[in-house]
Amino acid sequence: QRKRTAYYFTAASAGGVERVYPLAAP
């Protein structure tokens, strides 16, 4: 029953820098 699912990632470095992928997310 799973519908089409949107997703993105947030990666964090040990120094606290965060970046989302894709860059225009959400």
PDB file of all heavy atoms in Angstrom:
ATOM      1  N   GLN A   1       0.805  -1.218   0.000  1.00  0.00           N
ATOM      2  CA  GLN A   1       0.000   0.000   0.000  1.00  0.00           C
ATOM      3  C   GLN A   1       0.842   1.275   0.000  1.00  0.00           C
ATOM      4  O   GLN A   1       0.295   2.372   0.028  1.00  0.00           O
ATOM      5  CB  GLN A   1      -0.938   0.041   1.224  1.00  0.00           C
ATOM      6  CG  GLN A   1      -2.184  -0.809   1.069  1.00  0.00           C
ATOM      7  CD  GLN A   1      -1.894  -2.286   1.240  1.00  0.00           C
ATOM      8  OE1 GLN A   1      -1.138  -2.675   2.116  1.00  0.00           O
ATOM      9  NE2 GLN A   1      -2.471  -3.111   0.399  1.00  0.00           N
ATOM     10  N   ARG A   2       2.173   1.142  -0.031  1.00  0.00           N
ATOM     11  CA  ARG A   2       3.033   2.322   0.004  1.00  0.00           C
ATOM     12  C   ARG A   2       2.757   3.195  -1.212  1.00  0.00           C
ATOM     13  O   ARG A   2       2.753   2.736  -2.342  1.00  0.00           O
ATOM     14  CB  ARG A   2       4.503   1.931   0.034  1.00  0.00           C
ATOM     15  CG  ARG A   2       5.425   3.158   0.095  1.00  0.00           C
ATOM     16  CD  ARG A   2       6.899   2.813   0.185  1.00  0.00           C
ATOM     17  NE  ARG A   2       7.188   2.265   1.490  1.00  0.00           N
ATOM     18  CZ  ARG A   2       7.764   1.086   1.691  1.00  0.00           C
ATOM     19  NH1 ARG A   2       8.139   0.348   0.688  1.00  0.00           N
ATOM     20  NH2 ARG A   2       7.982   0.654   2.912  1.00  0.00           N
ATOM     21  N   LYS A   3       2.535   4.457  -0.946  1.00  0.00           N
ATOM     22  CA  LYS A   3       2.322   5.432  -2.014  1.00  0.00           C
ATOM     23  C   LYS A   3       3.676   5.976  -2.453  1.00  0.00           C
ATOM     24  O   LYS A   3       4.703   5.709  -1.832  1.00  0.00           O
ATOM     25  CB  LYS A   3       1.447   6.580  -1.506  1.00  0.00           C
ATOM     26  CG  LYS A   3       0.069   6.148  -1.085  1.00  0.00           C
ATOM     27  CD  LYS A   3      -0.702   7.316  -0.536  1.00  0.00           C
ATOM     28  CE  LYS A   3      -2.067   6.871  -0.041  1.00  0.00           C
ATOM     29  NZ  LYS A   3      -2.780   7.980   0.603  1.00  0.00           N
ATOM     30  N   ARG A   4       3.656   6.766  -3.501  1.00  0.00           N
ATOM     31  CA  ARG A   4       4.882   7.422  -3.954  1.00  0.00           C
ATOM     32  C   ARG A   4       5.447   8.210  -2.779  1.00  0.00           C
ATOM     33  O   ARG A   4       4.729   8.954  -2.111  1.00  0.00           O
ATOM     34  CB  ARG A   4       4.561   8.352  -5.112  1.00  0.00           C
ATOM     35  CG  ARG A   4       5.770   8.925  -5.781  1.00  0.00           C
ATOM     36  CD  ARG A   4       5.356   9.596  -7.087  1.00  0.00           C
ATOM     37  NE  ARG A   4       6.529  10.029  -7.805  1.00  0.00           N
ATOM     38  CZ  ARG A   4       6.729  11.278  -8.196  1.00  0.00           C
ATOM     39  NH1 ARG A   4       5.836  12.203  -7.952  1.00  0.00           N
ATOM     40  NH2 ARG A   4       7.818  11.604  -8.850  1.00  0.00           N
ATOM     41  N   THR A   5       6.729   8.043  -2.508  1.00  0.00           N
ATOM     42  CA  THR A   5       7.354   8.615  -1.315  1.00  0.00           C
ATOM     43  C   THR A   5       8.473   9.570  -1.687  1.00  0.00           C
ATOM     44  O   THR A   5       9.397   9.203  -2.410  1.00  0.00           O
ATOM     45  CB  THR A   5       7.905   7.485  -0.412  1.00  0.00           C
ATOM     46  OG1 THR A   5       6.829   6.601  -0.086  1.00  0.00           O
ATOM     47  CG2 THR A   5       8.515   8.031   0.848  1.00  0.00           C
ATOM     48  N   ALA A   6       8.378  10.807  -1.170  1.00  0.00           N
ATOM     49  CA  ALA A   6       9.423  11.819  -1.362  1.00  0.00           C
ATOM     50  C   ALA A   6      10.422  11.699  -0.219  1.00  0.00           C
ATOM     51  O   ALA A   6      10.036  11.402   0.916  1.00  0.00           O
ATOM     52  CB  ALA A   6       8.809  13.215  -1.369  1.00  0.00           C
ATOM     53  N   TYR A   7      11.703  11.910  -0.495  1.00  0.00           N
ATOM     54  CA  TYR A   7      12.701  11.853   0.573  1.00  0.00           C
ATOM     55  C   TYR A   7      13.903  12.724   0.243  1.00  0.00           C
ATOM     56  O   TYR A   7      14.168  13.050  -0.902  1.00  0.00           O
ATOM     57  CB  TYR A   7      13.133  10.417   0.855  1.00  0.00           C
ATOM     58  CG  TYR A   7      13.927   9.754  -0.242  1.00  0.00           C
ATOM     59  CD1 TYR A   7      15.324   9.744  -0.200  1.00  0.00           C
ATOM     60  CD2 TYR A   7      13.298   9.129  -1.310  1.00  0.00           C
ATOM     61  CE1 TYR A   7      16.059   9.125  -1.185  1.00  0.00           C
ATOM     62  CE2 TYR A   7      14.032   8.508  -2.303  1.00  0.00           C
ATOM     63  CZ  TYR A   7      15.406   8.509  -2.241  1.00  0.00           C
ATOM     64  OH  TYR A   7      16.145   7.902  -3.227  1.00  0.00           O
ATOM     65  N   TYR A   8      14.610  13.080   1.315  1.00  0.00           N
ATOM     66  CA  TYR A   8      15.889  13.775   1.184  1.00  0.00           C
ATOM     67  C   TYR A   8      16.740  13.427   2.395  1.00  0.00           C
ATOM     68  O   TYR A   8      16.261  12.846   3.364  1.00  0.00           O
ATOM     69  CB  TYR A   8      15.708  15.290   1.032  1.00  0.00           C
ATOM     70  CG  TYR A   8      15.173  16.011   2.240  1.00  0.00           C
ATOM     71  CD1 TYR A   8      16.031  16.594   3.171  1.00  0.00           C
ATOM     72  CD2 TYR A   8      13.804  16.130   2.458  1.00  0.00           C
ATOM     73  CE1 TYR A   8      15.534  17.270   4.279  1.00  0.00           C
ATOM     74  CE2 TYR A   8      13.302  16.803   3.555  1.00  0.00           C
ATOM     75  CZ  TYR A   8      14.170  17.374   4.460  1.00  0.00           C
ATOM     76  OH  TYR A   8      13.693  18.034   5.558  1.00  0.00           O
ATOM     77  N   PHE A   9      18.033  13.748   2.308  1.00  0.00           N
ATOM     78  CA  PHE A   9      18.980  13.429   3.365  1.00  0.00           C
ATOM     79  C   PHE A   9      19.511  14.709   4.006  1.00  0.00           C
ATOM     80  O   PHE A   9      19.672  15.717   3.322  1.00  0.00           O
ATOM     81  CB  PHE A   9      20.189  12.675   2.800  1.00  0.00           C
ATOM     82  CG  PHE A   9      19.847  11.411   2.076  1.00  0.00           C
ATOM     83  CD1 PHE A   9      19.765  11.387   0.696  1.00  0.00           C
ATOM     84  CD2 PHE A   9      19.626  10.236   2.776  1.00  0.00           C
ATOM     85  CE1 PHE A   9      19.468  10.224   0.019  1.00  0.00           C
ATOM     86  CE2 PHE A   9      19.331   9.059   2.108  1.00  0.00           C
ATOM     87  CZ  PHE A   9      19.250   9.054   0.724  1.00  0.00           C
ATOM     88  N   THR A  10      19.837  14.637   5.287  1.00  0.00           N
ATOM     89  CA  THR A  10      20.596  15.676   5.960  1.00  0.00           C
ATOM     90  C   THR A  10      21.826  14.997   6.549  1.00  0.00           C
ATOM     91  O   THR A  10      21.697  14.087   7.372  1.00  0.00           O
ATOM     92  CB  THR A  10      19.790  16.358   7.081  1.00  0.00           C
ATOM     93  OG1 THR A  10      18.597  16.907   6.517  1.00  0.00           O
ATOM     94  CG2 THR A  10      20.598  17.466   7.737  1.00  0.00           C
ATOM     95  N   ALA A  11      23.004  15.410   6.092  1.00  0.00           N
ATOM     96  CA  ALA A  11      24.261  14.852   6.591  1.00  0.00           C
ATOM     97  C   ALA A  11      24.922  15.881   7.491  1.00  0.00           C
ATOM     98  O   ALA A  11      24.926  17.077   7.184  1.00  0.00           O
ATOM     99  CB  ALA A  11      25.186  14.506   5.425  1.00  0.00           C
ATOM    100  N   ALA A  12      25.473  15.424   8.608  1.00  0.00           N
ATOM    101  CA  ALA A  12      26.141  16.316   9.564  1.00  0.00           C
ATOM    102  C   ALA A  12      27.567  15.842   9.796  1.00  0.00           C
ATOM    103  O   ALA A  12      27.804  14.654  10.032  1.00  0.00           O
ATOM    104  CB  ALA A  12      25.376  16.341  10.884  1.00  0.00           C
ATOM    105  N   SER A  13      28.516  16.778   9.744  1.00  0.00           N
ATOM    106  CA  SER A  13      29.909  16.458  10.032  1.00  0.00           C
ATOM    107  C   SER A  13      30.130  16.482  11.541  1.00  0.00           C
ATOM    108  O   SER A  13      29.293  16.983  12.294  1.00  0.00           O
ATOM    109  CB  SER A  13      30.838  17.466   9.365  1.00  0.00           C
ATOM    110  OG  SER A  13      30.764  18.719  10.018  1.00  0.00           O
ATOM    111  N   ALA A  14      31.268  15.962  11.964  1.00  0.00           N
ATOM    112  CA  ALA A  14      31.606  15.973  13.392  1.00  0.00           C
ATOM    113  C   ALA A  14      31.705  17.395  13.919  1.00  0.00           C
ATOM    114  O   ALA A  14      31.438  17.652  15.089  1.00  0.00           O
ATOM    115  CB  ALA A  14      32.918  15.219  13.622  1.00  0.00           C
ATOM    116  N   GLY A  15      32.037  18.352  13.057  1.00  0.00           N
ATOM    117  CA  GLY A  15      32.152  19.755  13.460  1.00  0.00           C
ATOM    118  C   GLY A  15      30.823  20.497  13.482  1.00  0.00           C
ATOM    119  O   GLY A  15      30.784  21.685  13.759  1.00  0.00           O
ATOM    120  N   GLY A  16      29.732  19.813  13.157  1.00  0.00           N
ATOM    121  CA  GLY A  16      28.413  20.432  13.212  1.00  0.00           C
ATOM    122  C   GLY A  16      27.933  21.042  11.906  1.00  0.00           C
ATOM    123  O   GLY A  16      26.860  21.629  11.849  1.00  0.00           O
ATOM    124  N   VAL A  17      28.698  20.897  10.829  1.00  0.00           N
ATOM    125  CA  VAL A  17      28.266  21.410   9.530  1.00  0.00           C
ATOM    126  C   VAL A  17      27.204  20.460   8.977  1.00  0.00           C
ATOM    127  O   VAL A  17      27.404  19.254   8.938  1.00  0.00           O
ATOM    128  CB  VAL A  17      29.446  21.514   8.543  1.00  0.00           C
ATOM    129  CG1 VAL A  17      28.970  21.938   7.163  1.00  0.00           C
ATOM    130  CG2 VAL A  17      30.496  22.472   9.075  1.00  0.00           C
ATOM    131  N   GLU A  18      26.054  21.018   8.576  1.00  0.00           N
ATOM    132  CA  GLU A  18      24.989  20.205   7.998  1.00  0.00           C
ATOM    133  C   GLU A  18      24.772  20.587   6.544  1.00  0.00           C
ATOM    134  O   GLU A  18      24.906  21.743   6.172  1.00  0.00           O
ATOM    135  CB  GLU A  18      23.669  20.400   8.762  1.00  0.00           C
ATOM    136  CG  GLU A  18      23.677  19.773  10.118  1.00  0.00           C
ATOM    137  CD  GLU A  18      22.312  19.811  10.788  1.00  0.00           C
ATOM    138  OE1 GLU A  18      21.386  20.457  10.250  1.00  0.00           O
ATOM    139  OE2 GLU A  18      22.178  19.192  11.844  1.00  0.00           O
ATOM    140  N   ARG A  19      24.410  19.582   5.749  1.00  0.00           N
ATOM    141  CA  ARG A  19      24.114  19.809   4.337  1.00  0.00           C
ATOM    142  C   ARG A  19      22.978  18.871   3.950  1.00  0.00           C
ATOM    143  O   ARG A  19      22.965  17.716   4.350  1.00  0.00           O
ATOM    144  CB  ARG A  19      25.339  19.517   3.486  1.00  0.00           C
ATOM    145  CG  ARG A  19      25.115  19.814   2.022  1.00  0.00           C
ATOM    146  CD  ARG A  19      26.371  19.747   1.223  1.00  0.00           C
ATOM    147  NE  ARG A  19      27.263  20.843   1.621  1.00  0.00           N
ATOM    148  CZ  ARG A  19      28.558  20.848   1.405  1.00  0.00           C
ATOM    149  NH1 ARG A  19      29.127  19.816   0.840  1.00  0.00           N
ATOM    150  NH2 ARG A  19      29.290  21.870   1.769  1.00  0.00           N
ATOM    151  N   VAL A  20      22.030  19.406   3.179  1.00  0.00           N
ATOM    152  CA  VAL A  20      20.931  18.564   2.714  1.00  0.00           C
ATOM    153  C   VAL A  20      21.205  18.110   1.283  1.00  0.00           C
ATOM    154  O   VAL A  20      21.905  18.784   0.526  1.00  0.00           O
ATOM    155  CB  VAL A  20      19.564  19.296   2.781  1.00  0.00           C
ATOM    156  CG1 VAL A  20      19.167  19.569   4.212  1.00  0.00           C
ATOM    157  CG2 VAL A  20      19.562  20.551   1.955  1.00  0.00           C
ATOM    158  N   TYR A  21      20.675  16.958   0.940  1.00  0.00           N
ATOM    159  CA  TYR A  21      20.782  16.386  -0.407  1.00  0.00           C
ATOM    160  C   TYR A  21      19.416  15.904  -0.820  1.00  0.00           C
ATOM    161  O   TYR A  21      18.835  15.117  -0.089  1.00  0.00           O
ATOM    162  CB  TYR A  21      21.768  15.213  -0.422  1.00  0.00           C
ATOM    163  CG  TYR A  21      23.162  15.599  -0.062  1.00  0.00           C
ATOM    164  CD1 TYR A  21      23.612  15.514   1.251  1.00  0.00           C
ATOM    165  CD2 TYR A  21      24.046  16.061  -1.037  1.00  0.00           C
ATOM    166  CE1 TYR A  21      24.902  15.883   1.589  1.00  0.00           C
ATOM    167  CE2 TYR A  21      25.342  16.419  -0.695  1.00  0.00           C
ATOM    168  CZ  TYR A  21      25.757  16.324   0.617  1.00  0.00           C
ATOM    169  OH  TYR A  21      27.025  16.691   0.955  1.00  0.00           O
ATOM    170  N   PRO A  22      18.877  16.373  -1.935  1.00  0.00           N
ATOM    171  CA  PRO A  22      19.456  17.348  -2.834  1.00  0.00           C
ATOM    172  C   PRO A  22      19.540  18.719  -2.175  1.00  0.00           C
ATOM    173  O   PRO A  22      18.844  18.983  -1.190  1.00  0.00           O
ATOM    174  CB  PRO A  22      18.503  17.363  -4.034  1.00  0.00           C
ATOM    175  CG  PRO A  22      17.210  16.875  -3.505  1.00  0.00           C
ATOM    176  CD  PRO A  22      17.535  15.960  -2.371  1.00  0.00           C
ATOM    177  N   LEU A  23      20.370  19.578  -2.737  1.00  0.00           N
ATOM    178  CA  LEU A  23      20.659  20.868  -2.104  1.00  0.00           C
ATOM    179  C   LEU A  23      19.435  21.764  -1.944  1.00  0.00           C
ATOM    180  O   LEU A  23      19.408  22.605  -1.064  1.00  0.00           O
ATOM    181  CB  LEU A  23      21.751  21.598  -2.882  1.00  0.00           C
ATOM    182  CG  LEU A  23      23.122  20.917  -2.844  1.00  0.00           C
ATOM    183  CD1 LEU A  23      24.103  21.659  -3.727  1.00  0.00           C
ATOM    184  CD2 LEU A  23      23.646  20.807  -1.425  1.00  0.00           C
ATOM    185  N   ALA A  24      18.410  21.590  -2.753  1.00  0.00           N
ATOM    186  CA  ALA A  24      17.204  22.417  -2.654  1.00  0.00           C
ATOM    187  C   ALA A  24      16.134  21.800  -1.749  1.00  0.00           C
ATOM    188  O   ALA A  24      15.015  22.279  -1.689  1.00  0.00           O
ATOM    189  CB  ALA A  24      16.625  22.661  -4.037  1.00  0.00           C
ATOM    190  N   ALA A  25      16.464  20.734  -1.030  1.00  0.00           N
ATOM    191  CA  ALA A  25      15.482  20.076  -0.151  1.00  0.00           C
ATOM    192  C   ALA A  25      15.079  21.016   0.969  1.00  0.00           C
ATOM    193  O   ALA A  25      15.880  21.842   1.393  1.00  0.00           O
ATOM    194  CB  ALA A  25      16.077  18.794   0.422  1.00  0.00           C
ATOM    195  N   PRO A  26      13.892  20.950   1.461  1.00  0.00           N
ATOM    196  CA  PRO A  26      12.817  20.010   1.143  1.00  0.00           C
ATOM    197  C   PRO A  26      11.932  20.433  -0.023  1.00  0.00           C
ATOM    198  O   PRO A  26      10.978  19.731  -0.342  1.00  0.00           O
ATOM    199  CB  PRO A  26      12.010  19.962   2.427  1.00  0.00           C
ATOM    200  CG  PRO A  26      12.138  21.316   3.010  1.00  0.00           C
ATOM    201  CD  PRO A  26      13.532  21.777   2.633  1.00  0.00           C
TER     202      PRO A  26
END
